[in-house]
């Protein structure tokens, strides 16, 4: 599941053998008990500078009682433009 910002329209994510849902955060929390996922993602910061882009993603766990899933973690991804 991915948090859908209120001012955004839904995107079309395609991952082979996976289902990606974009939902508002309050709906994600309501459906967390039915989710077959251990976490949901929230895109925190996106910056584009010339041919380089960075994206920070917060990873929020659904189940606080599982070891190593008791707090929000994050990832920073770097993208570079190649071949136009």
C-alpha atoms as a PDB file:
ATOM      1  CA  UNK A   1       0.000   0.000   0.000  1.00  0.00           C
ATOM      2  CA  UNK A   2       1.144   3.511  -0.799  1.00  0.00           C
ATOM      3  CA  UNK A   3      -0.176   6.711   0.786  1.00  0.00           C
ATOM      4  CA  UNK A   4      -2.024   8.848  -1.766  1.00  0.00           C
ATOM      5  CA  UNK A   5      -1.486  12.555  -1.044  1.00  0.00           C
ATOM      6  CA  UNK A   6      -4.743  14.498  -0.967  1.00  0.00           C
ATOM      7  CA  UNK A   7      -3.807  16.751  -3.892  1.00  0.00           C
ATOM      8  CA  UNK A   8      -2.663  13.894  -6.150  1.00  0.00           C
ATOM      9  CA  UNK A   9      -4.419  11.672  -8.627  1.00  0.00           C
ATOM     10  CA  UNK A  10      -3.916   7.920  -8.540  1.00  0.00           C
ATOM     11  CA  UNK A  11      -0.973   6.494 -10.466  1.00  0.00           C
ATOM     12  CA  UNK A  12      -0.716   3.197 -12.281  1.00  0.00           C
ATOM     13  CA  UNK A  13       1.898   1.098 -10.533  1.00  0.00           C
ATOM     14  CA  UNK A  14       2.766  -2.176 -12.209  1.00  0.00           C
ATOM     15  CA  UNK A  15       4.790  -4.774 -10.317  1.00  0.00           C
ATOM     16  CA  UNK A  16       4.822  -8.346 -11.569  1.00  0.00           C
ATOM     17  CA  UNK A  17       3.022 -10.719  -9.166  1.00  0.00           C
ATOM     18  CA  UNK A  18       2.216  -7.893  -6.719  1.00  0.00           C
ATOM     19  CA  UNK A  19      -0.731  -5.616  -6.087  1.00  0.00           C
ATOM     20  CA  UNK A  20       0.004  -1.978  -5.287  1.00  0.00           C
ATOM     21  CA  UNK A  21      -2.807   0.048  -3.729  1.00  0.00           C
ATOM     22  CA  UNK A  22      -2.770   3.837  -3.492  1.00  0.00           C
ATOM     23  CA  UNK A  23      -5.072   5.005  -0.714  1.00  0.00           C
ATOM     24  CA  UNK A  24      -5.402   7.987   1.632  1.00  0.00           C
ATOM     25  CA  UNK A  25      -3.625   7.409   4.958  1.00  0.00           C
ATOM     26  CA  UNK A  26      -6.852   7.247   7.012  1.00  0.00           C
ATOM     27  CA  UNK A  27      -8.232   4.484   4.759  1.00  0.00           C
ATOM     28  CA  UNK A  28      -4.947   2.558   4.931  1.00  0.00           C
ATOM     29  CA  UNK A  29      -5.206   2.549   8.733  1.00  0.00           C
ATOM     30  CA  UNK A  30      -8.801   1.265   8.570  1.00  0.00           C
ATOM     31  CA  UNK A  31      -7.877  -1.546   6.162  1.00  0.00           C
ATOM     32  CA  UNK A  32      -4.630  -2.507   7.909  1.00  0.00           C
ATOM     33  CA  UNK A  33      -6.207  -5.506   9.618  1.00  0.00           C
ATOM     34  CA  UNK A  34      -7.317  -6.939   6.269  1.00  0.00           C
ATOM     35  CA  UNK A  35      -4.067  -6.146   4.473  1.00  0.00           C
ATOM     36  CA  UNK A  36      -1.749  -9.001   3.630  1.00  0.00           C
ATOM     37  CA  UNK A  37       1.174  -6.614   3.835  1.00  0.00           C
ATOM     38  CA  UNK A  38       3.528  -5.979   6.742  1.00  0.00           C
ATOM     39  CA  UNK A  39       3.982  -2.302   5.916  1.00  0.00           C
ATOM     40  CA  UNK A  40       2.865   0.666   3.821  1.00  0.00           C
ATOM     41  CA  UNK A  41       4.968   3.298   2.031  1.00  0.00           C
ATOM     42  CA  UNK A  42       4.788   7.073   2.150  1.00  0.00           C
ATOM     43  CA  UNK A  43       6.833   9.161  -0.279  1.00  0.00           C
ATOM     44  CA  UNK A  44       8.210  11.836   2.023  1.00  0.00           C
ATOM     45  CA  UNK A  45      10.482  13.979  -0.152  1.00  0.00           C
ATOM     46  CA  UNK A  46      11.171  14.119  -3.870  1.00  0.00           C
ATOM     47  CA  UNK A  47      13.844  16.414  -5.305  1.00  0.00           C
ATOM     48  CA  UNK A  48      14.911  16.791  -8.920  1.00  0.00           C
ATOM     49  CA  UNK A  49      18.185  18.554  -9.743  1.00  0.00           C
ATOM     50  CA  UNK A  50      19.152  18.488 -13.422  1.00  0.00           C
ATOM     51  CA  UNK A  51      19.767  14.812 -14.297  1.00  0.00           C
ATOM     52  CA  UNK A  52      19.611  13.518 -10.703  1.00  0.00           C
ATOM     53  CA  UNK A  53      16.534  12.868  -8.578  1.00  0.00           C
ATOM     54  CA  UNK A  54      16.318  11.762  -4.957  1.00  0.00           C
ATOM     55  CA  UNK A  55      13.320  10.269  -3.229  1.00  0.00           C
ATOM     56  CA  UNK A  56      12.960   9.568   0.494  1.00  0.00           C
ATOM     57  CA  UNK A  57      10.392   6.914   1.356  1.00  0.00           C
ATOM     58  CA  UNK A  58       9.031   6.262   4.850  1.00  0.00           C
ATOM     59  CA  UNK A  59       8.244   2.600   5.543  1.00  0.00           C
ATOM     60  CA  UNK A  60       5.484   2.338   8.180  1.00  0.00           C
ATOM     61  CA  UNK A  61       4.834  -1.068   9.794  1.00  0.00           C
ATOM     62  CA  UNK A  62       1.314  -2.368  10.355  1.00  0.00           C
ATOM     63  CA  UNK A  63       2.288  -4.704  13.191  1.00  0.00           C
ATOM     64  CA  UNK A  64       4.232  -3.120  16.028  1.00  0.00           C
ATOM     65  CA  UNK A  65       4.502  -6.395  17.964  1.00  0.00           C
ATOM     66  CA  UNK A  66       6.726  -8.130  15.378  1.00  0.00           C
ATOM     67  CA  UNK A  67      10.482  -7.937  16.028  1.00  0.00           C
ATOM     68  CA  UNK A  68      12.278  -5.414  13.814  1.00  0.00           C
ATOM     69  CA  UNK A  69       8.928  -3.970  12.677  1.00  0.00           C
ATOM     70  CA  UNK A  70       8.233  -1.798  15.691  1.00  0.00           C
ATOM     71  CA  UNK A  71       9.161   1.593  14.209  1.00  0.00           C
ATOM     72  CA  UNK A  72       9.061   3.610  10.990  1.00  0.00           C
ATOM     73  CA  UNK A  73      12.151   3.253   8.821  1.00  0.00           C
ATOM     74  CA  UNK A  74      13.197   5.044   5.673  1.00  0.00           C
ATOM     75  CA  UNK A  75      15.025   4.645   2.400  1.00  0.00           C
ATOM     76  CA  UNK A  76      16.711   7.209   0.216  1.00  0.00           C
ATOM     77  CA  UNK A  77      16.731   6.391  -3.501  1.00  0.00           C
ATOM     78  CA  UNK A  78      18.888   8.110  -6.127  1.00  0.00           C
ATOM     79  CA  UNK A  79      17.945   8.206  -9.801  1.00  0.00           C
ATOM     80  CA  UNK A  80      20.046   9.432 -12.703  1.00  0.00           C
ATOM     81  CA  UNK A  81      18.868  10.264 -16.175  1.00  0.00           C
ATOM     82  CA  UNK A  82      20.485   8.202 -18.924  1.00  0.00           C
ATOM     83  CA  UNK A  83      19.965   8.168 -22.678  1.00  0.00           C
ATOM     84  CA  UNK A  84      17.393  10.963 -22.630  1.00  0.00           C
END
